[in-house]
Every structure is written in structure tokens, then in C-alpha cells.
Amino acid sequence: MDKFSNLSSKMEELVNASRLNSLLTKKEEDEKKKNTIIWVLAIIGAIAAVAGIAFAVYKFFTPDYLEDFEEDFDDDFDYDFDDDEKEE
């Protein structure tokens, strides 16, 4: 009986070791998946940041031609009404 109890205790140790190994392997796989997701999100965030900065620089350095056009239009519009009042 001593041989059977010794054998069963060794089997229990093997089973426990395999369970522990499977748990550790599972955790490592989960960590690898998390790291991959973090890297993908970091790359997307970096691309978005560069695009945002490029857009801000473009808007800052691009002249606003519409503003000058509107001012000229308003001046011409005022002169037309001034001429009508003077004629009366």
C-alpha cells in the first residue's frame, strides 16, 4: 500500500503542476493580447495627434481670403446707399 500511496501523491503533484502551468500559460497569453491592443491603440493615437497638429499648423498659416472679400463687399454696399441719399 505504501507504493500506491506514494504513486498517488506523485500523480496529484503532477496534476497540480499541470494546472499551475496551464494557469500561468493562460495569464501570459492574456498579457500578450493586452500588450498588442495597447500598442495598436498607441499607434492610432500617435497618428491622430500628428494629424491634429498638422491641421492646426495648416489653419494657422493659411491666409483667410474670405475675410478681405467680405470687407470689400460691405464697403461697396455702403457706398451704393450713400449715393441714393445724396440724389434725393
PDB file of N, CA and C in Angstrom:
ATOM      1  N   MET A   1       0.820  -1.190   0.000  1.00  0.00           N
ATOM      2  CA  MET A   1       0.000   0.000   0.000  1.00  0.00           C
ATOM      3  C   MET A   1       0.862   1.251   0.000  1.00  0.00           C
ATOM      4  N   ASP A   2       2.017   1.084   0.511  1.00  0.00           N
ATOM      5  CA  ASP A   2       2.909   2.229   0.572  1.00  0.00           C
ATOM      6  C   ASP A   2       3.280   2.698  -0.842  1.00  0.00           C
ATOM      7  N   LYS A   3       3.452   1.726  -1.755  1.00  0.00           N
ATOM      8  CA  LYS A   3       3.782   2.081  -3.129  1.00  0.00           C
ATOM      9  C   LYS A   3       2.623   2.803  -3.810  1.00  0.00           C
ATOM     10  N   PHE A   4       1.390   2.371  -3.525  1.00  0.00           N
ATOM     11  CA  PHE A   4       0.220   3.012  -4.137  1.00  0.00           C
ATOM     12  C   PHE A   4      -0.001   4.420  -3.604  1.00  0.00           C
ATOM     13  N   SER A   5       0.204   4.638  -2.334  1.00  0.00           N
ATOM     14  CA  SER A   5       0.023   5.970  -1.765  1.00  0.00           C
ATOM     15  C   SER A   5       1.104   6.916  -2.278  1.00  0.00           C
ATOM     16  N   ASN A   6       2.326   6.395  -2.408  1.00  0.00           N
ATOM     17  CA  ASN A   6       3.416   7.197  -2.938  1.00  0.00           C
ATOM     18  C   ASN A   6       3.145   7.549  -4.403  1.00  0.00           C
ATOM     19  N   LEU A   7       2.653   6.600  -5.159  1.00  0.00           N
ATOM     20  CA  LEU A   7       2.320   6.818  -6.562  1.00  0.00           C
ATOM     21  C   LEU A   7       1.171   7.813  -6.707  1.00  0.00           C
ATOM     22  N   SER A   8       0.153   7.699  -5.850  1.00  0.00           N
ATOM     23  CA  SER A   8      -0.980   8.623  -5.932  1.00  0.00           C
ATOM     24  C   SER A   8      -0.572  10.034  -5.533  1.00  0.00           C
ATOM     25  N   SER A   9       0.322  10.173  -4.579  1.00  0.00           N
ATOM     26  CA  SER A   9       0.771  11.513  -4.204  1.00  0.00           C
ATOM     27  C   SER A   9       1.581  12.143  -5.338  1.00  0.00           C
ATOM     28  N   LYS A  10       2.390  11.322  -6.033  1.00  0.00           N
ATOM     29  CA  LYS A  10       3.137  11.844  -7.182  1.00  0.00           C
ATOM     30  C   LYS A  10       2.194  12.243  -8.313  1.00  0.00           C
ATOM     31  N   MET A  11       1.130  11.467  -8.517  1.00  0.00           N
ATOM     32  CA  MET A  11       0.146  11.807  -9.540  1.00  0.00           C
ATOM     33  C   MET A  11      -0.562  13.120  -9.203  1.00  0.00           C
ATOM     34  N   GLU A  12      -0.889  13.281  -7.938  1.00  0.00           N
ATOM     35  CA  GLU A  12      -1.524  14.536  -7.510  1.00  0.00           C
ATOM     36  C   GLU A  12      -0.594  15.712  -7.747  1.00  0.00           C
ATOM     37  N   GLU A  13       0.675  15.537  -7.466  1.00  0.00           N
ATOM     38  CA  GLU A  13       1.640  16.603  -7.703  1.00  0.00           C
ATOM     39  C   GLU A  13       1.727  16.939  -9.190  1.00  0.00           C
ATOM     40  N   LEU A  14       1.716  15.906 -10.039  1.00  0.00           N
ATOM     41  CA  LEU A  14       1.749  16.140 -11.480  1.00  0.00           C
ATOM     42  C   LEU A  14       0.503  16.879 -11.968  1.00  0.00           C
ATOM     43  N   VAL A  15      -0.641  16.479 -11.458  1.00  0.00           N
ATOM     44  CA  VAL A  15      -1.892  17.130 -11.843  1.00  0.00           C
ATOM     45  C   VAL A  15      -1.880  18.591 -11.390  1.00  0.00           C
ATOM     46  N   ASN A  16      -1.451  18.829 -10.160  1.00  0.00           N
ATOM     47  CA  ASN A  16      -1.385  20.196  -9.650  1.00  0.00           C
ATOM     48  C   ASN A  16      -0.385  21.028 -10.443  1.00  0.00           C
ATOM     49  N   ALA A  17       0.737  20.441 -10.792  1.00  0.00           N
ATOM     50  CA  ALA A  17       1.738  21.153 -11.576  1.00  0.00           C
ATOM     51  C   ALA A  17       1.195  21.497 -12.959  1.00  0.00           C
ATOM     52  N   SER A  18       0.472  20.574 -13.567  1.00  0.00           N
ATOM     53  CA  SER A  18      -0.084  20.853 -14.897  1.00  0.00           C
ATOM     54  C   SER A  18      -1.153  21.934 -14.828  1.00  0.00           C
ATOM     55  N   ARG A  19      -1.953  21.944 -13.770  1.00  0.00           N
ATOM     56  CA  ARG A  19      -2.960  23.008 -13.596  1.00  0.00           C
ATOM     57  C   ARG A  19      -2.277  24.354 -13.415  1.00  0.00           C
ATOM     58  N   LEU A  20      -1.228  24.360 -12.598  1.00  0.00           N
ATOM     59  CA  LEU A  20      -0.489  25.597 -12.369  1.00  0.00           C
ATOM     60  C   LEU A  20       0.145  26.084 -13.667  1.00  0.00           C
ATOM     61  N   ASN A  21       0.704  25.169 -14.416  1.00  0.00           N
ATOM     62  CA  ASN A  21       1.326  25.518 -15.693  1.00  0.00           C
ATOM     63  C   ASN A  21       0.291  26.075 -16.669  1.00  0.00           C
ATOM     64  N   SER A  22      -0.877  25.467 -16.718  1.00  0.00           N
ATOM     65  CA  SER A  22      -1.917  25.964 -17.629  1.00  0.00           C
ATOM     66  C   SER A  22      -2.398  27.348 -17.217  1.00  0.00           C
ATOM     67  N   LEU A  23      -2.497  27.601 -15.920  1.00  0.00           N
ATOM     68  CA  LEU A  23      -2.897  28.930 -15.447  1.00  0.00           C
ATOM     69  C   LEU A  23      -1.848  29.977 -15.800  1.00  0.00           C
ATOM     70  N   LEU A  24      -0.579  29.628 -15.609  1.00  0.00           N
ATOM     71  CA  LEU A  24       0.488  30.570 -15.944  1.00  0.00           C
ATOM     72  C   LEU A  24       0.537  30.853 -17.436  1.00  0.00           C
ATOM     73  N   THR A  25       0.358  29.826 -18.235  1.00  0.00           N
ATOM     74  CA  THR A  25       0.360  29.995 -19.684  1.00  0.00           C
ATOM     75  C   THR A  25      -0.809  30.862 -20.129  1.00  0.00           C
ATOM     76  N   LYS A  26      -1.949  30.659 -19.514  1.00  0.00           N
ATOM     77  CA  LYS A  26      -3.138  31.443 -19.857  1.00  0.00           C
ATOM     78  C   LYS A  26      -2.915  32.915 -19.523  1.00  0.00           C
ATOM     79  N   LYS A  27      -2.298  33.179 -18.379  1.00  0.00           N
ATOM     80  CA  LYS A  27      -2.029  34.572 -17.995  1.00  0.00           C
ATOM     81  C   LYS A  27      -1.054  35.224 -18.964  1.00  0.00           C
ATOM     82  N   GLU A  28      -0.044  34.477 -19.389  1.00  0.00           N
ATOM     83  CA  GLU A  28       0.913  35.029 -20.342  1.00  0.00           C
ATOM     84  C   GLU A  28       0.243  35.357 -21.668  1.00  0.00           C
ATOM     85  N   GLU A  29      -0.649  34.503 -22.121  1.00  0.00           N
ATOM     86  CA  GLU A  29      -1.362  34.760 -23.377  1.00  0.00           C
ATOM     87  C   GLU A  29      -2.254  35.990 -23.248  1.00  0.00           C
ATOM     88  N   ASP A  30      -2.913  36.133 -22.098  1.00  0.00           N
ATOM     89  CA  ASP A  30      -3.758  37.304 -21.875  1.00  0.00           C
ATOM     90  C   ASP A  30      -2.919  38.583 -21.861  1.00  0.00           C
ATOM     91  N   GLU A  31      -1.750  38.521 -21.244  1.00  0.00           N
ATOM     92  CA  GLU A  31      -0.875  39.688 -21.206  1.00  0.00           C
ATOM     93  C   GLU A  31      -0.387  40.048 -22.610  1.00  0.00           C
ATOM     94  N   LYS A  32      -0.079  39.050 -23.429  1.00  0.00           N
ATOM     95  CA  LYS A  32       0.354  39.321 -24.791  1.00  0.00           C
ATOM     96  C   LYS A  32      -0.759  39.987 -25.585  1.00  0.00           C
ATOM     97  N   LYS A  33      -2.001  39.535 -25.404  1.00  0.00           N
ATOM     98  CA  LYS A  33      -3.134  40.140 -26.103  1.00  0.00           C
ATOM     99  C   LYS A  33      -3.326  41.583 -25.656  1.00  0.00           C
ATOM    100  N   LYS A  34      -3.204  41.822 -24.351  1.00  0.00           N
ATOM    101  CA  LYS A  34      -3.354  43.179 -23.829  1.00  0.00           C
ATOM    102  C   LYS A  34      -2.254  44.087 -24.369  1.00  0.00           C
ATOM    103  N   ASN A  35      -1.027  43.581 -24.416  1.00  0.00           N
ATOM    104  CA  ASN A  35       0.077  44.384 -24.939  1.00  0.00           C
ATOM    105  C   ASN A  35      -0.141  44.718 -26.407  1.00  0.00           C
ATOM    106  N   THR A  36      -0.647  43.785 -27.167  1.00  0.00           N
ATOM    107  CA  THR A  36      -0.918  44.036 -28.579  1.00  0.00           C
ATOM    108  C   THR A  36      -1.984  45.113 -28.744  1.00  0.00           C
ATOM    109  N   ILE A  37      -3.026  45.027 -27.971  1.00  0.00           N
ATOM    110  CA  ILE A  37      -4.101  46.029 -28.037  1.00  0.00           C
ATOM    111  C   ILE A  37      -3.571  47.402 -27.638  1.00  0.00           C
ATOM    112  N   ILE A  38      -2.753  47.445 -26.603  1.00  0.00           N
ATOM    113  CA  ILE A  38      -2.193  48.724 -26.156  1.00  0.00           C
ATOM    114  C   ILE A  38      -1.309  49.325 -27.232  1.00  0.00           C
ATOM    115  N   TRP A  39      -0.491  48.503 -27.887  1.00  0.00           N
ATOM    116  CA  TRP A  39       0.365  49.005 -28.956  1.00  0.00           C
ATOM    117  C   TRP A  39      -0.448  49.537 -30.134  1.00  0.00           C
ATOM    118  N   VAL A  40      -1.493  48.836 -30.497  1.00  0.00           N
ATOM    119  CA  VAL A  40      -2.336  49.289 -31.616  1.00  0.00           C
ATOM    120  C   VAL A  40      -2.998  50.623 -31.279  1.00  0.00           C
ATOM    121  N   LEU A  41      -3.525  50.737 -30.069  1.00  0.00           N
ATOM    122  CA  LEU A  41      -4.160  51.999 -29.665  1.00  0.00           C
ATOM    123  C   LEU A  41      -3.149  53.131 -29.567  1.00  0.00           C
ATOM    124  N   ALA A  42      -1.941  52.834 -29.119  1.00  0.00           N
ATOM    125  CA  ALA A  42      -0.898  53.865 -29.032  1.00  0.00           C
ATOM    126  C   ALA A  42      -0.516  54.367 -30.419  1.00  0.00           C
ATOM    127  N   ILE A  43      -0.421  53.468 -31.377  1.00  0.00           N
ATOM    128  CA  ILE A  43      -0.074  53.876 -32.745  1.00  0.00           C
ATOM    129  C   ILE A  43      -1.190  54.721 -33.350  1.00  0.00           C
ATOM    130  N   ILE A  44      -2.428  54.309 -33.154  1.00  0.00           N
ATOM    131  CA  ILE A  44      -3.563  55.084 -33.662  1.00  0.00           C
ATOM    132  C   ILE A  44      -3.599  56.465 -33.005  1.00  0.00           C
ATOM    133  N   GLY A  45      -3.348  56.526 -31.718  1.00  0.00           N
ATOM    134  CA  GLY A  45      -3.324  57.811 -31.013  1.00  0.00           C
ATOM    135  C   GLY A  45      -2.211  58.718 -31.518  1.00  0.00           C
ATOM    136  N   ALA A  46      -1.044  58.148 -31.779  1.00  0.00           N
ATOM    137  CA  ALA A  46       0.073  58.952 -32.288  1.00  0.00           C
ATOM    138  C   ALA A  46      -0.245  59.501 -33.675  1.00  0.00           C
ATOM    139  N   ILE A  47      -0.844  58.685 -34.525  1.00  0.00           N
ATOM    140  CA  ILE A  47      -1.219  59.154 -35.861  1.00  0.00           C
ATOM    141  C   ILE A  47      -2.264  60.266 -35.769  1.00  0.00           C
ATOM    142  N   ALA A  48      -3.229  60.102 -34.875  1.00  0.00           N
ATOM    143  CA  ALA A  48      -4.261  61.138 -34.698  1.00  0.00           C
ATOM    144  C   ALA A  48      -3.646  62.435 -34.174  1.00  0.00           C
ATOM    145  N   ALA A  49      -2.692  62.335 -33.261  1.00  0.00           N
ATOM    146  CA  ALA A  49      -2.045  63.533 -32.722  1.00  0.00           C
ATOM    147  C   ALA A  49      -1.259  64.262 -33.806  1.00  0.00           C
ATOM    148  N   VAL A  50      -0.519  63.538 -34.616  1.00  0.00           N
ATOM    149  CA  VAL A  50       0.250  64.162 -35.701  1.00  0.00           C
ATOM    150  C   VAL A  50      -0.695  64.811 -36.710  1.00  0.00           C
ATOM    151  N   ALA A  51      -1.786  64.141 -37.042  1.00  0.00           N
ATOM    152  CA  ALA A  51      -2.752  64.718 -37.983  1.00  0.00           C
ATOM    153  C   ALA A  51      -3.387  65.984 -37.405  1.00  0.00           C
ATOM    154  N   GLY A  52      -3.702  65.969 -36.123  1.00  0.00           N
ATOM    155  CA  GLY A  52      -4.280  67.153 -35.489  1.00  0.00           C
ATOM    156  C   GLY A  52      -3.316  68.324 -35.478  1.00  0.00           C
ATOM    157  N   ILE A  53      -2.061  68.053 -35.186  1.00  0.00           N
ATOM    158  CA  ILE A  53      -1.056  69.124 -35.185  1.00  0.00           C
ATOM    159  C   ILE A  53      -0.860  69.663 -36.599  1.00  0.00           C
ATOM    160  N   ALA A  54      -0.804  68.788 -37.584  1.00  0.00           N
ATOM    161  CA  ALA A  54      -0.645  69.231 -38.969  1.00  0.00           C
ATOM    162  C   ALA A  54      -1.827  70.095 -39.404  1.00  0.00           C
ATOM    163  N   PHE A  55      -3.038  69.712 -39.021  1.00  0.00           N
ATOM    164  CA  PHE A  55      -4.220  70.509 -39.370  1.00  0.00           C
ATOM    165  C   PHE A  55      -4.176  71.876 -38.698  1.00  0.00           C
ATOM    166  N   ALA A  56      -3.765  71.917 -37.423  1.00  0.00           N
ATOM    167  CA  ALA A  56      -3.682  73.191 -36.704  1.00  0.00           C
ATOM    168  C   ALA A  56      -2.642  74.115 -37.336  1.00  0.00           C
ATOM    169  N   VAL A  57      -1.496  73.577 -37.722  1.00  0.00           N
ATOM    170  CA  VAL A  57      -0.455  74.383 -38.370  1.00  0.00           C
ATOM    171  C   VAL A  57      -0.957  74.886 -39.724  1.00  0.00           C
ATOM    172  N   TYR A  58      -1.631  74.023 -40.477  1.00  0.00           N
ATOM    173  CA  TYR A  58      -2.177  74.432 -41.771  1.00  0.00           C
ATOM    174  C   TYR A  58      -3.176  75.575 -41.602  1.00  0.00           C
ATOM    175  N   LYS A  59      -4.085  75.450 -40.648  1.00  0.00           N
ATOM    176  CA  LYS A  59      -5.083  76.503 -40.424  1.00  0.00           C
ATOM    177  C   LYS A  59      -4.434  77.803 -39.974  1.00  0.00           C
ATOM    178  N   PHE A  60      -3.368  77.705 -39.187  1.00  0.00           N
ATOM    179  CA  PHE A  60      -2.704  78.901 -38.666  1.00  0.00           C
ATOM    180  C   PHE A  60      -1.979  79.658 -39.775  1.00  0.00           C
ATOM    181  N   PHE A  61      -1.341  78.944 -40.684  1.00  0.00           N
ATOM    182  CA  PHE A  61      -0.543  79.594 -41.713  1.00  0.00           C
ATOM    183  C   PHE A  61      -1.304  79.892 -42.993  1.00  0.00           C
ATOM    184  N   THR A  62      -2.491  79.360 -43.176  1.00  0.00           N
ATOM    185  CA  THR A  62      -3.262  79.625 -44.387  1.00  0.00           C
ATOM    186  C   THR A  62      -3.963  80.968 -44.244  1.00  0.00           C
ATOM    187  N   PRO A  63      -3.748  81.877 -45.196  1.00  0.00           N
ATOM    188  CA  PRO A  63      -4.418  83.184 -45.100  1.00  0.00           C
ATOM    189  C   PRO A  63      -5.920  83.049 -45.335  1.00  0.00           C
ATOM    190  N   ASP A  64      -6.663  83.958 -44.741  1.00  0.00           N
ATOM    191  CA  ASP A  64      -8.114  83.927 -44.866  1.00  0.00           C
ATOM    192  C   ASP A  64      -8.527  84.951 -45.918  1.00  0.00           C
ATOM    193  N   TYR A  65      -8.707  84.500 -47.138  1.00  0.00           N
ATOM    194  CA  TYR A  65      -9.070  85.404 -48.231  1.00  0.00           C
ATOM    195  C   TYR A  65     -10.523  85.844 -48.141  1.00  0.00           C
ATOM    196  N   LEU A  66     -11.374  85.071 -47.557  1.00  0.00           N
ATOM    197  CA  LEU A  66     -12.779  85.406 -47.470  1.00  0.00           C
ATOM    198  C   LEU A  66     -13.003  86.643 -46.609  1.00  0.00           C
ATOM    199  N   GLU A  67     -12.188  86.831 -45.589  1.00  0.00           N
ATOM    200  CA  GLU A  67     -12.331  87.985 -44.714  1.00  0.00           C
ATOM    201  C   GLU A  67     -12.121  89.284 -45.486  1.00  0.00           C
ATOM    202  N   ASP A  68     -11.116  89.337 -46.349  1.00  0.00           N
ATOM    203  CA  ASP A  68     -10.867  90.525 -47.164  1.00  0.00           C
ATOM    204  C   ASP A  68     -12.003  90.746 -48.151  1.00  0.00           C
ATOM    205  N   PHE A  69     -12.542  89.693 -48.744  1.00  0.00           N
ATOM    206  CA  PHE A  69     -13.627  89.802 -49.694  1.00  0.00           C
ATOM    207  C   PHE A  69     -14.868  90.385 -49.028  1.00  0.00           C
ATOM    208  N   GLU A  70     -15.189  89.939 -47.837  1.00  0.00           N
ATOM    209  CA  GLU A  70     -16.377  90.432 -47.148  1.00  0.00           C
ATOM    210  C   GLU A  70     -16.247  91.906 -46.802  1.00  0.00           C
ATOM    211  N   GLU A  71     -15.054  92.339 -46.418  1.00  0.00           N
ATOM    212  CA  GLU A  71     -14.860  93.752 -46.089  1.00  0.00           C
ATOM    213  C   GLU A  71     -15.040  94.627 -47.329  1.00  0.00           C
ATOM    214  N   ASP A  72     -14.513  94.203 -48.467  1.00  0.00           N
ATOM    215  CA  ASP A  72     -14.669  94.960 -49.699  1.00  0.00           C
ATOM    216  C   ASP A  72     -16.136  95.023 -50.103  1.00  0.00           C
ATOM    217  N   PHE A  73     -16.860  93.925 -49.953  1.00  0.00           N
ATOM    218  CA  PHE A  73     -18.266  93.881 -50.316  1.00  0.00           C
ATOM    219  C   PHE A  73     -19.076  94.829 -49.438  1.00  0.00           C
ATOM    220  N   ASP A  74     -18.798  94.858 -48.152  1.00  0.00           N
ATOM    221  CA  ASP A  74     -19.518  95.752 -47.248  1.00  0.00           C
ATOM    222  C   ASP A  74     -19.265  97.208 -47.598  1.00  0.00           C
ATOM    223  N   ASP A  75     -18.063  97.566 -47.979  1.00  0.00           N
ATOM    224  CA  ASP A  75     -17.752  98.948 -48.337  1.00  0.00           C
ATOM    225  C   ASP A  75     -18.516  99.365 -49.598  1.00  0.00           C
ATOM    226  N   ASP A  76     -18.562  98.510 -50.591  1.00  0.00           N
ATOM    227  CA  ASP A  76     -19.285  98.821 -51.821  1.00  0.00           C
ATOM    228  C   ASP A  76     -20.781  98.953 -51.548  1.00  0.00           C
ATOM    229  N   PHE A  77     -21.293  98.122 -50.681  1.00  0.00           N
ATOM    230  CA  PHE A  77     -22.702  98.162 -50.353  1.00  0.00           C
ATOM    231  C   PHE A  77     -23.061  99.478 -49.661  1.00  0.00           C
ATOM    232  N   ASP A  78     -22.209  99.954 -48.781  1.00  0.00           N
ATOM    233  CA  ASP A  78     -22.467 101.230 -48.099  1.00  0.00           C
ATOM    234  C   ASP A  78     -22.421 102.392 -49.079  1.00  0.00           C
ATOM    235  N   TYR A  79     -21.540 102.371 -50.031  1.00  0.00           N
ATOM    236  CA  TYR A  79     -21.431 103.464 -50.984  1.00  0.00           C
ATOM    237  C   TYR A  79     -22.669 103.559 -51.862  1.00  0.00           C
ATOM    238  N   ASP A  80     -23.275 102.449 -52.196  1.00  0.00           N
ATOM    239  CA  ASP A  80     -24.467 102.471 -53.015  1.00  0.00           C
ATOM    240  C   ASP A  80     -25.608 103.187 -52.305  1.00  0.00           C
ATOM    241  N   PHE A  81     -25.754 102.977 -51.022  1.00  0.00           N
ATOM    242  CA  PHE A  81     -26.821 103.646 -50.285  1.00  0.00           C
ATOM    243  C   PHE A  81     -26.495 105.117 -50.068  1.00  0.00           C
ATOM    244  N   ASP A  82     -25.248 105.443 -49.913  1.00  0.00           N
ATOM    245  CA  ASP A  82     -24.875 106.851 -49.740  1.00  0.00           C
ATOM    246  C   ASP A  82     -25.194 107.659 -50.994  1.00  0.00           C
ATOM    247  N   ASP A  83     -25.017 107.059 -52.166  1.00  0.00           N
ATOM    248  CA  ASP A  83     -25.304 107.745 -53.409  1.00  0.00           C
ATOM    249  C   ASP A  83     -26.787 107.994 -53.562  1.00  0.00           C
ATOM    250  N   ASP A  84     -27.626 107.068 -53.154  1.00  0.00           N
ATOM    251  CA  ASP A  84     -29.061 107.229 -53.254  1.00  0.00           C
ATOM    252  C   ASP A  84     -29.555 108.334 -52.348  1.00  0.00           C
ATOM    253  N   GLU A  85     -29.022 108.473 -51.197  1.00  0.00           N
ATOM    254  CA  GLU A  85     -29.467 109.502 -50.259  1.00  0.00           C
ATOM    255  C   GLU A  85     -29.073 110.883 -50.753  1.00  0.00           C
ATOM    256  N   LYS A  86     -27.928 110.997 -51.400  1.00  0.00           N
ATOM    257  CA  LYS A  86     -27.458 112.285 -51.883  1.00  0.00           C
ATOM    258  C   LYS A  86     -28.294 112.771 -53.071  1.00  0.00           C
ATOM    259  N   GLU A  87     -28.809 111.863 -53.864  1.00  0.00           N
ATOM    260  CA  GLU A  87     -29.587 112.232 -55.021  1.00  0.00           C
ATOM    261  C   GLU A  87     -30.931 112.825 -54.657  1.00  0.00           C
ATOM    262  N   GLU A  88     -31.478 112.465 -53.542  1.00  0.00           N
ATOM    263  CA  GLU A  88     -32.828 112.933 -53.184  1.00  0.00           C
ATOM    264  C   GLU A  88     -32.820 114.324 -52.745  1.00  0.00           C
TER     265      GLU A  88
END
